C-alpha cells in the first residue's frame, strides 16, 4: 500500500480498515476463524442440497 501511495499516480485508498489487529498472530488467528466459519457454512449448504436431492430420489412409500 505504501508503494502505491508513494508512486504519485494519484491513487487514494477507498476506505480505511474498521479494525486493525495488534499483531500478526492475532491477524492469522482471525483469518483461521473466518476460514473455518466459511467452510462450515459451505459444508452445511452442500449437505442440505445433497439431502434434498436424496429425498427427491427416494420413492414415496419409503418416506412414510
Protein backbone atom coordinates (compact mmCIF):
# COMPACT_ATOMS: atom_id res chain seq x y z
CA UNK A 1 0.00 0.00 0.00
CA UNK A 2 2.79 2.45 0.81
CA UNK A 3 4.43 1.80 -2.58
CA UNK A 4 1.19 2.70 -4.36
CA UNK A 5 0.73 5.88 -2.32
CA UNK A 6 4.38 6.92 -2.82
CA UNK A 7 4.25 6.36 -6.59
CA UNK A 8 2.44 9.70 -7.13
CA UNK A 9 -0.16 8.31 -9.53
CA UNK A 10 -2.90 9.99 -7.59
CA UNK A 11 -4.15 6.73 -6.11
CA UNK A 12 -6.10 7.19 -2.90
CA UNK A 13 -7.47 4.45 -0.63
CA UNK A 14 -11.22 3.91 -0.98
CA UNK A 15 -11.77 3.16 2.70
CA UNK A 16 -9.93 2.66 5.96
CA UNK A 17 -9.97 -0.57 7.98
CA UNK A 18 -12.63 -0.90 10.68
CA UNK A 19 -10.39 -2.98 12.94
CA UNK A 20 -6.64 -3.38 12.73
CA UNK A 21 -5.25 -6.30 14.78
CA UNK A 22 -2.37 -5.62 17.12
CA UNK A 23 -0.06 -8.36 15.85
CA UNK A 24 0.43 -10.89 13.09
CA UNK A 25 -0.62 -13.75 15.36
CA UNK A 26 -3.99 -12.14 16.03
CA UNK A 27 -4.43 -11.44 12.33
CA UNK A 28 -3.69 -15.04 11.33
CA UNK A 29 -5.96 -16.33 14.10
CA UNK A 30 -8.83 -14.18 12.89
CA UNK A 31 -8.22 -15.39 9.35
CA UNK A 32 -8.33 -19.01 10.53
CA UNK A 33 -11.63 -18.39 12.34
CA UNK A 34 -13.05 -16.74 9.23
CA UNK A 35 -11.93 -19.67 7.06
CA UNK A 36 -13.44 -22.20 9.48
CA UNK A 37 -16.78 -20.37 9.57
CA UNK A 38 -16.85 -20.16 5.79
CA UNK A 39 -16.06 -23.86 5.45
CA UNK A 40 -18.80 -24.69 7.95
CA UNK A 41 -21.40 -22.66 6.08
CA UNK A 42 -20.35 -24.15 2.75
CA UNK A 43 -20.41 -27.68 4.17
CA UNK A 44 -23.85 -27.14 5.68
CA UNK A 45 -25.24 -25.78 2.40
CA UNK A 46 -23.80 -28.65 0.36
CA UNK A 47 -25.15 -31.18 2.87
CA UNK A 48 -28.61 -29.65 2.67
CA UNK A 49 -28.56 -29.75 -1.13
CA UNK A 50 -27.40 -33.37 -1.12
CA UNK A 51 -30.10 -34.32 1.39
CA UNK A 52 -32.82 -32.67 -0.67
CA UNK A 53 -31.64 -34.44 -3.81
CA UNK A 54 -31.61 -37.80 -2.00
CA UNK A 55 -35.13 -37.15 -0.66
CA UNK A 56 -36.39 -36.43 -4.17
CA UNK A 57 -34.94 -39.72 -5.48
CA UNK A 58 -36.50 -41.72 -2.63
CA UNK A 59 -39.80 -43.43 -3.50
CA UNK A 60 -42.96 -42.11 -1.83
CA UNK A 61 -43.65 -45.38 0.04
CA UNK A 62 -40.26 -45.34 1.76
CA UNK A 63 -40.84 -41.84 3.23
CA UNK A 64 -43.71 -42.92 5.48
